[in-house]
């Protein structure tokens, strides 16, 4: 069976590839804006890769898909926020850790 994984080099796509690689008889195909290089290793090796930004105007995929257009717009917006506020991503992560510690009742060492 052939399975095409769109976004195969992203977080969810990579996790899916790792899981699917355990199955026998699958023909896996990866689609990504930036496919991994030939020396990327597991789980990317041995796949047929197709570079495609499914959110780009005129991209192959689902013609007129608002999801693709909206996703591309949101990603561009978030990229701009990250450029303007480079410490924001790490700050959000530490805030989440602090909330989790407070919920569990543990204190920071």
PDB file of N, CA and C in Angstrom:
ATOM      1  N   UNK A   1       0.836  -1.157   0.000  1.00  0.00           N
ATOM      2  CA  UNK A   1       0.000   0.000   0.000  1.00  0.00           C
ATOM      3  C   UNK A   1       0.894   1.238   0.000  1.00  0.00           C
ATOM      4  N   UNK A   2       0.552   2.207  -0.824  1.00  0.00           N
ATOM      5  CA  UNK A   2       1.301   3.466  -0.879  1.00  0.00           C
ATOM      6  C   UNK A   2       0.640   4.479   0.049  1.00  0.00           C
ATOM      7  N   UNK A   3       1.466   5.104   0.885  1.00  0.00           N
ATOM      8  CA  UNK A   3       0.984   6.141   1.801  1.00  0.00           C
ATOM      9  C   UNK A   3       1.819   7.390   1.560  1.00  0.00           C
ATOM     10  N   UNK A   4       1.136   8.494   1.289  1.00  0.00           N
ATOM     11  CA  UNK A   4       1.791   9.771   1.076  1.00  0.00           C
ATOM     12  C   UNK A   4       1.620  10.599   2.348  1.00  0.00           C
ATOM     13  N   UNK A   5       2.731  11.042   2.909  1.00  0.00           N
ATOM     14  CA  UNK A   5       2.715  11.843   4.135  1.00  0.00           C
ATOM     15  C   UNK A   5       3.055  13.278   3.760  1.00  0.00           C
ATOM     16  N   UNK A   6       2.066  14.150   3.849  1.00  0.00           N
ATOM     17  CA  UNK A   6       2.275  15.566   3.558  1.00  0.00           C
ATOM     18  C   UNK A   6       2.798  16.218   4.833  1.00  0.00           C
ATOM     19  N   UNK A   7       3.890  16.964   4.699  1.00  0.00           N
ATOM     20  CA  UNK A   7       4.535  17.548   5.878  1.00  0.00           C
ATOM     21  C   UNK A   7       5.406  16.520   6.579  1.00  0.00           C
ATOM     22  N   UNK A   8       5.977  15.610   5.801  1.00  0.00           N
ATOM     23  CA  UNK A   8       6.708  14.463   6.358  1.00  0.00           C
ATOM     24  C   UNK A   8       7.976  14.836   7.108  1.00  0.00           C
ATOM     25  N   UNK A   9       8.528  16.027   6.874  1.00  0.00           N
ATOM     26  CA  UNK A   9       9.746  16.402   7.596  1.00  0.00           C
ATOM     27  C   UNK A   9       9.449  17.241   8.835  1.00  0.00           C
ATOM     28  N   UNK A  10       8.181  17.532   9.103  1.00  0.00           N
ATOM     29  CA  UNK A  10       7.793  18.281  10.300  1.00  0.00           C
ATOM     30  C   UNK A  10       7.682  17.358  11.512  1.00  0.00           C
ATOM     31  N   UNK A  11       7.283  17.920  12.634  1.00  0.00           N
ATOM     32  CA  UNK A  11       7.200  17.136  13.868  1.00  0.00           C
ATOM     33  C   UNK A  11       6.212  15.982  13.764  1.00  0.00           C
ATOM     34  N   UNK A  12       4.976  16.278  13.379  1.00  0.00           N
ATOM     35  CA  UNK A  12       3.962  15.223  13.287  1.00  0.00           C
ATOM     36  C   UNK A  12       4.304  14.248  12.161  1.00  0.00           C
ATOM     37  N   UNK A  13       4.776  14.767  11.031  1.00  0.00           N
ATOM     38  CA  UNK A  13       5.135  13.905   9.910  1.00  0.00           C
ATOM     39  C   UNK A  13       6.269  12.959  10.249  1.00  0.00           C
ATOM     40  N   UNK A  14       7.276  13.448  10.957  1.00  0.00           N
ATOM     41  CA  UNK A  14       8.402  12.608  11.362  1.00  0.00           C
ATOM     42  C   UNK A  14       7.937  11.512  12.306  1.00  0.00           C
ATOM     43  N   UNK A  15       7.073  11.864  13.262  1.00  0.00           N
ATOM     44  CA  UNK A  15       6.540  10.860  14.190  1.00  0.00           C
ATOM     45  C   UNK A  15       5.734   9.803  13.435  1.00  0.00           C
ATOM     46  N   UNK A  16       4.954  10.245  12.462  1.00  0.00           N
ATOM     47  CA  UNK A  16       4.170   9.306  11.667  1.00  0.00           C
ATOM     48  C   UNK A  16       5.080   8.388  10.852  1.00  0.00           C
ATOM     49  N   UNK A  17       6.121   8.947  10.251  1.00  0.00           N
ATOM     50  CA  UNK A  17       7.067   8.120   9.501  1.00  0.00           C
ATOM     51  C   UNK A  17       7.710   7.067  10.393  1.00  0.00           C
ATOM     52  N   UNK A  18       8.109   7.473  11.597  1.00  0.00           N
ATOM     53  CA  UNK A  18       8.722   6.500  12.525  1.00  0.00           C
ATOM     54  C   UNK A  18       7.770   5.342  12.799  1.00  0.00           C
ATOM     55  N   UNK A  19       6.499   5.673  12.994  1.00  0.00           N
ATOM     56  CA  UNK A  19       5.515   4.623  13.266  1.00  0.00           C
ATOM     57  C   UNK A  19       5.276   3.758  12.033  1.00  0.00           C
ATOM     58  N   UNK A  20       5.124   4.372  10.884  1.00  0.00           N
ATOM     59  CA  UNK A  20       4.835   3.611   9.659  1.00  0.00           C
ATOM     60  C   UNK A  20       6.004   2.747   9.220  1.00  0.00           C
ATOM     61  N   UNK A  21       7.221   3.171   9.560  1.00  0.00           N
ATOM     62  CA  UNK A  21       8.407   2.387   9.167  1.00  0.00           C
ATOM     63  C   UNK A  21       8.407   1.010   9.814  1.00  0.00           C
ATOM     64  N   UNK A  22       7.663   0.847  10.897  1.00  0.00           N
ATOM     65  CA  UNK A  22       7.596  -0.462  11.569  1.00  0.00           C
ATOM     66  C   UNK A  22       6.690  -1.449  10.841  1.00  0.00           C
ATOM     67  N   UNK A  23       5.852  -0.948   9.937  1.00  0.00           N
ATOM     68  CA  UNK A  23       4.923  -1.801   9.192  1.00  0.00           C
ATOM     69  C   UNK A  23       5.608  -2.368   7.955  1.00  0.00           C
ATOM     70  N   UNK A  24       5.218  -3.549   7.589  1.00  0.00           N
ATOM     71  CA  UNK A  24       5.772  -4.170   6.376  1.00  0.00           C
ATOM     72  C   UNK A  24       4.857  -3.918   5.180  1.00  0.00           C
ATOM     73  N   UNK A  25       5.462  -3.870   4.017  1.00  0.00           N
ATOM     74  CA  UNK A  25       4.705  -3.782   2.781  1.00  0.00           C
ATOM     75  C   UNK A  25       4.175  -2.398   2.441  1.00  0.00           C
ATOM     76  N   UNK A  26       4.697  -1.361   3.094  1.00  0.00           N
ATOM     77  CA  UNK A  26       4.229  -0.010   2.794  1.00  0.00           C
ATOM     78  C   UNK A  26       5.209   0.691   1.869  1.00  0.00           C
ATOM     79  N   UNK A  27       4.670   1.409   0.916  1.00  0.00           N
ATOM     80  CA  UNK A  27       5.448   2.256   0.020  1.00  0.00           C
ATOM     81  C   UNK A  27       5.231   3.685   0.487  1.00  0.00           C
ATOM     82  N   UNK A  28       6.200   4.241   1.220  1.00  0.00           N
ATOM     83  CA  UNK A  28       6.039   5.563   1.805  1.00  0.00           C
ATOM     84  C   UNK A  28       6.584   6.651   0.887  1.00  0.00           C
ATOM     85  N   UNK A  29       5.826   7.727   0.784  1.00  0.00           N
ATOM     86  CA  UNK A  29       6.202   8.878  -0.032  1.00  0.00           C
ATOM     87  C   UNK A  29       6.128  10.108   0.868  1.00  0.00           C
ATOM     88  N   UNK A  30       7.165  10.944   0.837  1.00  0.00           N
ATOM     89  CA  UNK A  30       7.192  12.153   1.645  1.00  0.00           C
ATOM     90  C   UNK A  30       7.009  13.395   0.800  1.00  0.00           C
ATOM     91  N   UNK A  31       6.179  14.308   1.287  1.00  0.00           N
ATOM     92  CA  UNK A  31       5.980  15.610   0.652  1.00  0.00           C
ATOM     93  C   UNK A  31       6.337  16.661   1.703  1.00  0.00           C
ATOM     94  N   UNK A  32       7.215  17.595   1.338  1.00  0.00           N
ATOM     95  CA  UNK A  32       7.633  18.633   2.275  1.00  0.00           C
ATOM     96  C   UNK A  32       8.119  19.848   1.507  1.00  0.00           C
ATOM     97  N   UNK A  33       8.004  21.010   2.156  1.00  0.00           N
ATOM     98  CA  UNK A  33       8.552  22.228   1.532  1.00  0.00           C
ATOM     99  C   UNK A  33      10.046  22.079   1.322  1.00  0.00           C
ATOM    100  N   UNK A  34      10.716  21.539   2.340  1.00  0.00           N
ATOM    101  CA  UNK A  34      12.173  21.342   2.276  1.00  0.00           C
ATOM    102  C   UNK A  34      12.476  19.890   2.639  1.00  0.00           C
ATOM    103  N   UNK A  35      12.490  19.014   1.645  1.00  0.00           N
ATOM    104  CA  UNK A  35      12.777  17.604   1.946  1.00  0.00           C
ATOM    105  C   UNK A  35      14.161  17.452   2.563  1.00  0.00           C
ATOM    106  N   UNK A  36      14.323  16.475   3.458  1.00  0.00           N
ATOM    107  CA  UNK A  36      15.633  16.244   4.074  1.00  0.00           C
ATOM    108  C   UNK A  36      16.661  15.813   3.031  1.00  0.00           C
ATOM    109  N   UNK A  37      17.910  16.052   3.340  1.00  0.00           N
ATOM    110  CA  UNK A  37      18.988  15.673   2.429  1.00  0.00           C
ATOM    111  C   UNK A  37      19.181  14.169   2.370  1.00  0.00           C
ATOM    112  N   UNK A  38      19.999  13.719   1.437  1.00  0.00           N
ATOM    113  CA  UNK A  38      20.196  12.282   1.236  1.00  0.00           C
ATOM    114  C   UNK A  38      20.864  11.578   2.416  1.00  0.00           C
ATOM    115  N   UNK A  39      21.536  12.322   3.275  1.00  0.00           N
ATOM    116  CA  UNK A  39      22.212  11.714   4.429  1.00  0.00           C
ATOM    117  C   UNK A  39      21.442  11.931   5.729  1.00  0.00           C
ATOM    118  N   UNK A  40      20.152  12.242   5.656  1.00  0.00           N
ATOM    119  CA  UNK A  40      19.364  12.560   6.852  1.00  0.00           C
ATOM    120  C   UNK A  40      19.149  11.346   7.751  1.00  0.00           C
ATOM    121  N   UNK A  41      19.202  10.148   7.204  1.00  0.00           N
ATOM    122  CA  UNK A  41      19.041   8.944   8.020  1.00  0.00           C
ATOM    123  C   UNK A  41      17.587   8.636   8.344  1.00  0.00           C
ATOM    124  N   UNK A  42      17.399   7.794   9.367  1.00  0.00           N
ATOM    125  CA  UNK A  42      16.063   7.382   9.795  1.00  0.00           C
ATOM    126  C   UNK A  42      15.287   8.583  10.322  1.00  0.00           C
ATOM    127  N   UNK A  43      14.026   8.677  10.118  1.00  0.00           N
ATOM    128  CA  UNK A  43      13.153   7.806   9.337  1.00  0.00           C
ATOM    129  C   UNK A  43      12.991   8.259   7.894  1.00  0.00           C
ATOM    130  N   UNK A  44      13.882   9.164   7.458  1.00  0.00           N
ATOM    131  CA  UNK A  44      13.715   9.803   6.147  1.00  0.00           C
ATOM    132  C   UNK A  44      14.305   9.016   4.980  1.00  0.00           C
ATOM    133  N   UNK A  45      15.223   8.123   5.247  1.00  0.00           N
ATOM    134  CA  UNK A  45      15.887   7.437   4.137  1.00  0.00           C
ATOM    135  C   UNK A  45      14.962   6.406   3.492  1.00  0.00           C
ATOM    136  N   UNK A  46      15.208   6.182   2.223  1.00  0.00           N
ATOM    137  CA  UNK A  46      14.456   5.172   1.489  1.00  0.00           C
ATOM    138  C   UNK A  46      13.081   5.614   1.018  1.00  0.00           C
ATOM    139  N   UNK A  47      12.712   6.854   1.268  1.00  0.00           N
ATOM    140  CA  UNK A  47      11.416   7.356   0.805  1.00  0.00           C
ATOM    141  C   UNK A  47      11.585   8.066  -0.532  1.00  0.00           C
ATOM    142  N   UNK A  48      10.536   8.089  -1.309  1.00  0.00           N
ATOM    143  CA  UNK A  48      10.482   8.949  -2.485  1.00  0.00           C
ATOM    144  C   UNK A  48      10.036  10.312  -1.971  1.00  0.00           C
ATOM    145  N   UNK A  49      10.831  11.352  -2.200  1.00  0.00           N
ATOM    146  CA  UNK A  49      10.523  12.693  -1.698  1.00  0.00           C
ATOM    147  C   UNK A  49      10.064  13.605  -2.820  1.00  0.00           C
ATOM    148  N   UNK A  50       9.078  14.436  -2.528  1.00  0.00           N
ATOM    149  CA  UNK A  50       8.562  15.405  -3.484  1.00  0.00           C
ATOM    150  C   UNK A  50       8.494  16.765  -2.801  1.00  0.00           C
ATOM    151  N   UNK A  51       9.317  17.729  -3.259  1.00  0.00           N
ATOM    152  CA  UNK A  51       9.245  19.062  -2.668  1.00  0.00           C
ATOM    153  C   UNK A  51       7.992  19.792  -3.135  1.00  0.00           C
ATOM    154  N   UNK A  52       7.227  20.306  -2.196  1.00  0.00           N
ATOM    155  CA  UNK A  52       6.019  21.053  -2.550  1.00  0.00           C
ATOM    156  C   UNK A  52       5.555  21.838  -1.334  1.00  0.00           C
ATOM    157  N   UNK A  53       5.281  23.116  -1.525  1.00  0.00           N
ATOM    158  CA  UNK A  53       4.664  23.926  -0.488  1.00  0.00           C
ATOM    159  C   UNK A  53       3.176  23.947  -0.809  1.00  0.00           C
ATOM    160  N   UNK A  54       2.401  23.112  -0.150  1.00  0.00           N
ATOM    161  CA  UNK A  54       0.984  22.971  -0.482  1.00  0.00           C
ATOM    162  C   UNK A  54       0.185  24.251  -0.217  1.00  0.00           C
ATOM    163  N   UNK A  55       0.747  25.183   0.544  1.00  0.00           N
ATOM    164  CA  UNK A  55       0.062  26.444   0.804  1.00  0.00           C
ATOM    165  C   UNK A  55       0.408  27.547  -0.169  1.00  0.00           C
ATOM    166  N   UNK A  56       1.368  27.290  -1.057  1.00  0.00           N
ATOM    167  CA  UNK A  56       1.782  28.318  -2.010  1.00  0.00           C
ATOM    168  C   UNK A  56       0.745  28.468  -3.125  1.00  0.00           C
ATOM    169  N   UNK A  57       0.571  29.692  -3.621  1.00  0.00           N
ATOM    170  CA  UNK A  57      -0.365  29.885  -4.734  1.00  0.00           C
ATOM    171  C   UNK A  57       0.024  28.998  -5.915  1.00  0.00           C
ATOM    172  N   UNK A  58      -0.935  28.310  -6.462  1.00  0.00           N
ATOM    173  CA  UNK A  58      -0.688  27.461  -7.631  1.00  0.00           C
ATOM    174  C   UNK A  58      -0.048  26.128  -7.309  1.00  0.00           C
ATOM    175  N   UNK A  59       0.100  25.796  -6.026  1.00  0.00           N
ATOM    176  CA  UNK A  59       0.735  24.523  -5.662  1.00  0.00           C
ATOM    177  C   UNK A  59      -0.191  23.370  -6.004  1.00  0.00           C
ATOM    178  N   UNK A  60       0.443  22.244  -6.320  1.00  0.00           N
ATOM    179  CA  UNK A  60      -0.346  21.035  -6.526  1.00  0.00           C
ATOM    180  C   UNK A  60      -0.949  20.651  -5.192  1.00  0.00           C
ATOM    181  N   UNK A  61      -2.041  20.027  -5.221  1.00  0.00           N
ATOM    182  CA  UNK A  61      -2.691  19.621  -3.974  1.00  0.00           C
ATOM    183  C   UNK A  61      -4.173  19.831  -4.097  1.00  0.00           C
ATOM    184  N   UNK A  62      -4.755  20.478  -3.134  1.00  0.00           N
ATOM    185  CA  UNK A  62      -6.200  20.690  -3.135  1.00  0.00           C
ATOM    186  C   UNK A  62      -6.473  22.097  -3.658  1.00  0.00           C
ATOM    187  N   UNK A  63      -6.905  22.197  -4.920  1.00  0.00           N
ATOM    188  CA  UNK A  63      -7.129  23.528  -5.492  1.00  0.00           C
ATOM    189  C   UNK A  63      -8.162  24.316  -4.687  1.00  0.00           C
ATOM    190  N   UNK A  64      -7.842  25.566  -4.402  1.00  0.00           N
ATOM    191  CA  UNK A  64      -8.773  26.433  -3.699  1.00  0.00           C
ATOM    192  C   UNK A  64      -8.941  26.122  -2.221  1.00  0.00           C
ATOM    193  N   UNK A  65      -8.067  25.311  -1.668  1.00  0.00           N
ATOM    194  CA  UNK A  65      -8.192  24.932  -0.263  1.00  0.00           C
ATOM    195  C   UNK A  65      -7.926  26.135   0.629  1.00  0.00           C
ATOM    196  N   UNK A  66      -8.944  26.545   1.377  1.00  0.00           N
ATOM    197  CA  UNK A  66      -8.740  27.675   2.284  1.00  0.00           C
ATOM    198  C   UNK A  66      -7.802  27.279   3.411  1.00  0.00           C
ATOM    199  N   UNK A  67      -7.811  25.999   3.805  1.00  0.00           N
ATOM    200  CA  UNK A  67      -6.901  25.549   4.855  1.00  0.00           C
ATOM    201  C   UNK A  67      -5.454  25.819   4.449  1.00  0.00           C
ATOM    202  N   UNK A  68      -5.101  25.465   3.220  1.00  0.00           N
ATOM    203  CA  UNK A  68      -3.730  25.664   2.762  1.00  0.00           C
ATOM    204  C   UNK A  68      -3.360  27.137   2.748  1.00  0.00           C
ATOM    205  N   UNK A  69      -4.257  27.969   2.227  1.00  0.00           N
ATOM    206  CA  UNK A  69      -3.975  29.409   2.181  1.00  0.00           C
ATOM    207  C   UNK A  69      -3.878  29.997   3.585  1.00  0.00           C
ATOM    208  N   UNK A  70      -4.845  29.659   4.429  1.00  0.00           N
ATOM    209  CA  UNK A  70      -4.856  30.208   5.782  1.00  0.00           C
ATOM    210  C   UNK A  70      -3.651  29.736   6.580  1.00  0.00           C
ATOM    211  N   UNK A  71      -3.281  28.471   6.429  1.00  0.00           N
ATOM    212  CA  UNK A  71      -2.132  27.930   7.152  1.00  0.00           C
ATOM    213  C   UNK A  71      -0.864  28.680   6.741  1.00  0.00           C
ATOM    214  N   UNK A  72      -0.707  28.919   5.453  1.00  0.00           N
ATOM    215  CA  UNK A  72       0.469  29.646   4.970  1.00  0.00           C
ATOM    216  C   UNK A  72       0.487  31.069   5.533  1.00  0.00           C
ATOM    217  N   UNK A  73      -0.678  31.720   5.598  1.00  0.00           N
ATOM    218  CA  UNK A  73      -0.751  33.078   6.148  1.00  0.00           C
ATOM    219  C   UNK A  73      -0.383  33.093   7.629  1.00  0.00           C
ATOM    220  N   UNK A  74      -0.905  32.126   8.389  1.00  0.00           N
ATOM    221  CA  UNK A  74      -0.610  32.056   9.821  1.00  0.00           C
ATOM    222  C   UNK A  74       0.877  31.778  10.046  1.00  0.00           C
ATOM    223  N   UNK A  75       1.445  30.861   9.260  1.00  0.00           N
ATOM    224  CA  UNK A  75       2.877  30.563   9.402  1.00  0.00           C
ATOM    225  C   UNK A  75       3.726  31.784   9.103  1.00  0.00           C
ATOM    226  N   UNK A  76       3.366  32.549   8.075  1.00  0.00           N
ATOM    227  CA  UNK A  76       4.118  33.763   7.743  1.00  0.00           C
ATOM    228  C   UNK A  76       4.010  34.783   8.879  1.00  0.00           C
ATOM    229  N   UNK A  77       2.823  34.912   9.446  1.00  0.00           N
ATOM    230  CA  UNK A  77       2.627  35.828  10.568  1.00  0.00           C
ATOM    231  C   UNK A  77       3.476  35.410  11.771  1.00  0.00           C
ATOM    232  N   UNK A  78       3.461  34.121  12.111  1.00  0.00           N
ATOM    233  CA  UNK A  78       4.244  33.634  13.246  1.00  0.00           C
ATOM    234  C   UNK A  78       5.749  33.766  13.001  1.00  0.00           C
ATOM    235  N   UNK A  79       6.184  33.552  11.761  1.00  0.00           N
ATOM    236  CA  UNK A  79       7.602  33.749  11.438  1.00  0.00           C
ATOM    237  C   UNK A  79       8.006  35.201  11.709  1.00  0.00           C
ATOM    238  N   UNK A  80       7.139  36.145  11.355  1.00  0.00           N
ATOM    239  CA  UNK A  80       7.423  37.552  11.595  1.00  0.00           C
ATOM    240  C   UNK A  80       7.497  37.870  13.088  1.00  0.00           C
ATOM    241  N   UNK A  81       6.591  37.287  13.871  1.00  0.00           N
ATOM    242  CA  UNK A  81       6.603  37.501  15.327  1.00  0.00           C
ATOM    243  C   UNK A  81       7.895  36.951  15.915  1.00  0.00           C
ATOM    244  N   UNK A  82       8.304  35.774  15.492  1.00  0.00           N
ATOM    245  CA  UNK A  82       9.548  35.188  15.999  1.00  0.00           C
ATOM    246  C   UNK A  82      10.767  36.032  15.635  1.00  0.00           C
ATOM    247  N   UNK A  83      10.777  36.612  14.421  1.00  0.00           N
ATOM    248  CA  UNK A  83      11.890  37.479  14.025  1.00  0.00           C
ATOM    249  C   UNK A  83      11.943  38.731  14.900  1.00  0.00           C
ATOM    250  N   UNK A  84      10.771  39.313  15.169  1.00  0.00           N
ATOM    251  CA  UNK A  84      10.713  40.539  15.957  1.00  0.00           C
ATOM    252  C   UNK A  84      10.938  40.301  17.449  1.00  0.00           C
ATOM    253  N   UNK A  85      10.632  39.110  17.930  1.00  0.00           N
ATOM    254  CA  UNK A  85      10.741  38.780  19.361  1.00  0.00           C
ATOM    255  C   UNK A  85      11.441  37.433  19.520  1.00  0.00           C
ATOM    256  N   UNK A  86      12.757  37.383  19.288  1.00  0.00           N
ATOM    257  CA  UNK A  86      13.460  36.095  19.283  1.00  0.00           C
ATOM    258  C   UNK A  86      13.406  35.333  20.606  1.00  0.00           C
ATOM    259  N   UNK A  87      13.234  36.001  21.728  1.00  0.00           N
ATOM    260  CA  UNK A  87      13.190  35.303  23.010  1.00  0.00           C
ATOM    261  C   UNK A  87      11.813  34.774  23.373  1.00  0.00           C
ATOM    262  N   UNK A  88      10.819  35.058  22.563  1.00  0.00           N
ATOM    263  CA  UNK A  88       9.448  34.692  22.880  1.00  0.00           C
ATOM    264  C   UNK A  88       9.243  33.188  22.971  1.00  0.00           C
ATOM    265  N   UNK A  89       9.800  32.441  22.046  1.00  0.00           N
ATOM    266  CA  UNK A  89       9.590  30.992  22.022  1.00  0.00           C
ATOM    267  C   UNK A  89      10.114  30.342  23.301  1.00  0.00           C
ATOM    268  N   UNK A  90      11.303  30.659  23.739  1.00  0.00           N
ATOM    269  CA  UNK A  90      11.859  30.087  24.961  1.00  0.00           C
ATOM    270  C   UNK A  90      11.090  30.530  26.194  1.00  0.00           C
ATOM    271  N   UNK A  91      10.599  31.770  26.182  1.00  0.00           N
ATOM    272  CA  UNK A  91       9.832  32.300  27.318  1.00  0.00           C
ATOM    273  C   UNK A  91       8.530  31.531  27.487  1.00  0.00           C
ATOM    274  N   UNK A  92       7.836  31.256  26.398  1.00  0.00           N
ATOM    275  CA  UNK A  92       6.574  30.512  26.474  1.00  0.00           C
ATOM    276  C   UNK A  92       6.815  29.117  27.043  1.00  0.00           C
ATOM    277  N   UNK A  93       7.903  28.502  26.650  1.00  0.00           N
ATOM    278  CA  UNK A  93       8.221  27.156  27.137  1.00  0.00           C
ATOM    279  C   UNK A  93       8.448  27.178  28.649  1.00  0.00           C
ATOM    280  N   UNK A  94       9.190  28.178  29.147  1.00  0.00           N
ATOM    281  CA  UNK A  94       9.457  28.237  30.584  1.00  0.00           C
ATOM    282  C   UNK A  94       8.186  28.580  31.357  1.00  0.00           C
ATOM    283  N   UNK A  95       7.286  29.374  30.795  1.00  0.00           N
ATOM    284  CA  UNK A  95       6.014  29.650  31.455  1.00  0.00           C
ATOM    285  C   UNK A  95       5.179  28.381  31.601  1.00  0.00           C
ATOM    286  N   UNK A  96       5.154  27.552  30.546  1.00  0.00           N
ATOM    287  CA  UNK A  96       4.409  26.289  30.617  1.00  0.00           C
ATOM    288  C   UNK A  96       4.992  25.375  31.682  1.00  0.00           C
ATOM    289  N   UNK A  97       6.322  25.315  31.765  1.00  0.00           N
ATOM    290  CA  UNK A  97       6.960  24.475  32.792  1.00  0.00           C
ATOM    291  C   UNK A  97       6.594  24.957  34.186  1.00  0.00           C
ATOM    292  N   UNK A  98       6.595  26.274  34.385  1.00  0.00           N
ATOM    293  CA  UNK A  98       6.247  26.840  35.687  1.00  0.00           C
ATOM    294  C   UNK A  98       4.817  26.512  36.087  1.00  0.00           C
ATOM    295  N   UNK A  99       3.885  26.615  35.134  1.00  0.00           N
ATOM    296  CA  UNK A  99       2.491  26.264  35.420  1.00  0.00           C
ATOM    297  C   UNK A  99       2.363  24.795  35.771  1.00  0.00           C
ATOM    298  N   UNK A 100       3.068  23.937  35.049  1.00  0.00           N
ATOM    299  CA  UNK A 100       3.006  22.499  35.319  1.00  0.00           C
ATOM    300  C   UNK A 100       3.551  22.203  36.712  1.00  0.00           C
ATOM    301  N   UNK A 101       4.624  22.889  37.099  1.00  0.00           N
ATOM    302  CA  UNK A 101       5.189  22.676  38.442  1.00  0.00           C
ATOM    303  C   UNK A 101       4.196  23.113  39.526  1.00  0.00           C
ATOM    304  N   UNK A 102       3.550  24.258  39.295  1.00  0.00           N
ATOM    305  CA  UNK A 102       2.581  24.738  40.293  1.00  0.00           C
ATOM    306  C   UNK A 102       1.415  23.759  40.429  1.00  0.00           C
ATOM    307  N   UNK A 103       0.942  23.202  39.301  1.00  0.00           N
ATOM    308  CA  UNK A 103      -0.161  22.241  39.348  1.00  0.00           C
ATOM    309  C   UNK A 103       0.234  20.974  40.090  1.00  0.00           C
ATOM    310  N   UNK A 104       1.472  20.547  39.904  1.00  0.00           N
ATOM    311  CA  UNK A 104       1.902  19.301  40.535  1.00  0.00           C
ATOM    312  C   UNK A 104       2.343  19.502  41.982  1.00  0.00           C
ATOM    313  N   UNK A 105       2.507  20.775  42.383  1.00  0.00           N
ATOM    314  CA  UNK A 105       2.920  21.063  43.745  1.00  0.00           C
ATOM    315  C   UNK A 105       4.425  20.974  43.955  1.00  0.00           C
ATOM    316  N   UNK A 106       5.173  20.709  42.893  1.00  0.00           N
ATOM    317  CA  UNK A 106       6.632  20.619  43.056  1.00  0.00           C
ATOM    318  C   UNK A 106       7.249  22.011  43.010  1.00  0.00           C
ATOM    319  N   UNK A 107       8.405  22.119  43.617  1.00  0.00           N
ATOM    320  CA  UNK A 107       9.141  23.383  43.621  1.00  0.00           C
ATOM    321  C   UNK A 107      10.384  23.233  42.795  1.00  0.00           C
ATOM    322  N   UNK A 108      10.825  24.335  42.265  1.00  0.00           N
ATOM    323  CA  UNK A 108      12.055  24.338  41.470  1.00  0.00           C
ATOM    324  C   UNK A 108      13.240  24.107  42.397  1.00  0.00           C
ATOM    325  N   UNK A 109      14.168  23.214  42.012  1.00  0.00           N
ATOM    326  CA  UNK A 109      15.315  22.946  42.887  1.00  0.00           C
ATOM    327  C   UNK A 109      16.223  24.142  43.029  1.00  0.00           C
TER     328      UNK A 109
END
